[in-house]
Amino acid sequence: MSRLAEVWDGGNARLSASDIADARGLSRAMVAKLLVSLSQVRLVVGSPGPGGGYTLCRAR
């Protein structure tokens, strides 16, 4: 979540699990699992496909 917060611009910037893992020096598989868990509790939002990725969720 800290990497997503660094690039936060109102929800338009999206990062893939690979981007986050590479930036933090972590395992891509571990980051992917963490993002799935975070999306289940609505802390991040994921979008599939080209141009997709994860961004921080925001209360509406």
C-alpha atoms as a PDB file:
ATOM      1  CA  MET A   1       0.000   0.000   0.000  1.00  0.00           C
ATOM      2  CA  SER A   2       2.901   2.353   0.612  1.00  0.00           C
ATOM      3  CA  ARG A   3       3.971   2.153  -3.044  1.00  0.00           C
ATOM      4  CA  LEU A   4       0.415   2.836  -4.190  1.00  0.00           C
ATOM      5  CA  ALA A   5       0.292   5.834  -1.837  1.00  0.00           C
ATOM      6  CA  GLU A   6       3.508   7.202  -3.350  1.00  0.00           C
ATOM      7  CA  VAL A   7       1.960   7.367  -6.821  1.00  0.00           C
ATOM      8  CA  TRP A   8      -1.578   8.313  -5.703  1.00  0.00           C
ATOM      9  CA  ASP A   9      -3.121  10.949  -7.943  1.00  0.00           C
ATOM     10  CA  GLY A  10      -6.777  10.609  -7.177  1.00  0.00           C
ATOM     11  CA  GLY A  11      -7.068   7.049  -8.438  1.00  0.00           C
ATOM     12  CA  ASN A  12      -5.830   7.415 -12.018  1.00  0.00           C
ATOM     13  CA  ALA A  13      -2.347   5.911 -11.552  1.00  0.00           C
ATOM     14  CA  ARG A  14      -2.401   2.124 -11.490  1.00  0.00           C
ATOM     15  CA  LEU A  15       0.453  -0.229 -10.723  1.00  0.00           C
ATOM     16  CA  SER A  16       0.713  -3.924 -11.451  1.00  0.00           C
ATOM     17  CA  ALA A  17       1.784  -6.428  -8.823  1.00  0.00           C
ATOM     18  CA  SER A  18       5.046  -6.773 -10.772  1.00  0.00           C
ATOM     19  CA  ASP A  19       5.666  -3.009 -10.655  1.00  0.00           C
ATOM     20  CA  ILE A  20       5.149  -2.953  -6.895  1.00  0.00           C
ATOM     21  CA  ALA A  21       7.275  -6.067  -6.307  1.00  0.00           C
ATOM     22  CA  ASP A  22      10.139  -4.722  -8.399  1.00  0.00           C
ATOM     23  CA  ALA A  23      10.039  -1.332  -6.678  1.00  0.00           C
ATOM     24  CA  ARG A  24      10.193  -2.919  -3.227  1.00  0.00           C
ATOM     25  CA  GLY A  25      12.433  -5.896  -3.997  1.00  0.00           C
ATOM     26  CA  LEU A  26       9.735  -8.398  -3.057  1.00  0.00           C
ATOM     27  CA  SER A  27       8.478 -11.631  -4.559  1.00  0.00           C
ATOM     28  CA  ARG A  28       5.896 -11.028  -7.290  1.00  0.00           C
ATOM     29  CA  ALA A  29       3.794 -13.965  -6.053  1.00  0.00           C
ATOM     30  CA  MET A  30       3.708 -12.597  -2.504  1.00  0.00           C
ATOM     31  CA  VAL A  31       2.719  -9.114  -3.663  1.00  0.00           C
ATOM     32  CA  ALA A  32      -0.032 -10.562  -5.873  1.00  0.00           C
ATOM     33  CA  LYS A  33      -1.460 -12.499  -2.914  1.00  0.00           C
ATOM     34  CA  LEU A  34      -1.322  -9.432  -0.683  1.00  0.00           C
ATOM     35  CA  LEU A  35      -3.123  -7.328  -3.288  1.00  0.00           C
ATOM     36  CA  VAL A  36      -5.893  -9.909  -3.569  1.00  0.00           C
ATOM     37  CA  SER A  37      -6.357  -9.816   0.210  1.00  0.00           C
ATOM     38  CA  LEU A  38      -6.322  -6.018   0.256  1.00  0.00           C
ATOM     39  CA  SER A  39      -8.894  -5.871  -2.530  1.00  0.00           C
ATOM     40  CA  GLN A  40     -11.198  -8.254  -0.638  1.00  0.00           C
ATOM     41  CA  VAL A  41     -11.340  -5.824   2.276  1.00  0.00           C
ATOM     42  CA  ARG A  42     -11.663  -2.889  -0.147  1.00  0.00           C
ATOM     43  CA  LEU A  43      -8.401  -1.131   0.616  1.00  0.00           C
ATOM     44  CA  VAL A  44      -7.271  -1.357  -3.010  1.00  0.00           C
ATOM     45  CA  VAL A  45      -9.130  -1.681  -6.301  1.00  0.00           C
ATOM     46  CA  GLY A  46      -7.862  -3.826  -9.142  1.00  0.00           C
ATOM     47  CA  SER A  47      -8.592  -3.479 -12.847  1.00  0.00           C
ATOM     48  CA  PRO A  48      -7.706  -6.237 -15.324  1.00  0.00           C
ATOM     49  CA  GLY A  49      -6.263  -5.903 -18.794  1.00  0.00           C
ATOM     50  CA  PRO A  50      -3.977  -3.456 -20.552  1.00  0.00           C
ATOM     51  CA  GLY A  51      -3.783  -0.228 -18.610  1.00  0.00           C
ATOM     52  CA  GLY A  52      -5.119  -2.045 -15.561  1.00  0.00           C
ATOM     53  CA  GLY A  53      -3.507  -2.559 -12.220  1.00  0.00           C
ATOM     54  CA  TYR A  54      -4.138  -1.603  -8.635  1.00  0.00           C
ATOM     55  CA  THR A  55      -4.866   1.711  -6.985  1.00  0.00           C
ATOM     56  CA  LEU A  56      -5.886   2.742  -3.495  1.00  0.00           C
ATOM     57  CA  CYS A  57      -9.580   2.580  -2.748  1.00  0.00           C
ATOM     58  CA  ARG A  58     -11.299   5.619  -1.393  1.00  0.00           C
ATOM     59  CA  ALA A  59     -14.515   5.899   0.616  1.00  0.00           C
ATOM     60  CA  ARG A  60     -17.318   7.385  -1.401  1.00  0.00           C
END
